[in-house]
Amino acid sequence: DTLGVNYYPLTATFQMKPNTGVATDFQKLTAFTTKPIHIEEVGYSSSSATAGSEYLQAEFFCEVFKAWDTYHTKIPSLAVLRMVDKTRADAESKATDYGLTGNESFIEYIRTLGVKSNTSVAKPAFTLIESELDKRGF
């Protein structure tokens, strides 16, 4: 048996939480169960409408890798949600699917979870993730 989870440090109003909480969140997660934990989706918005930014997104992934290193025996796998940002139209459609039509924070959250822009320009998080994976031999 295993436990699959998604990790997005969000408030109830779709604002990104500070990156200082990542280590504590991983500690709490791993204390929750003795089963292997597979983090099936991890992501952080790069939109200022969600209190995020490209810098904070990269910092988030840095903290995620540090926490993963600490708990790698309990967390055998971790997957970044999305390589490329969604278009505005796609994000608005997803908001409608969730009953959140017109919720700008949710739309921007969904739109900017990629580590590349929707024109495939790498954000700082992409470079950081590449480097961290390389350090670990992936």
Foldseek 3Di string as FASTA:
>chain_A
DEAEAEDFQADPLLAGDQLVCLLVVLVVVLVVDQHAYEHEEYFYFQDVLRVHRLVRRLVNVVSNLVNCVVVCVRYVYHDYHAAEFDDLVVLQVVCVVVVNHPSVSSSRGRRGRHQAYNVRHGGNNVVSVVVSCVVVPD
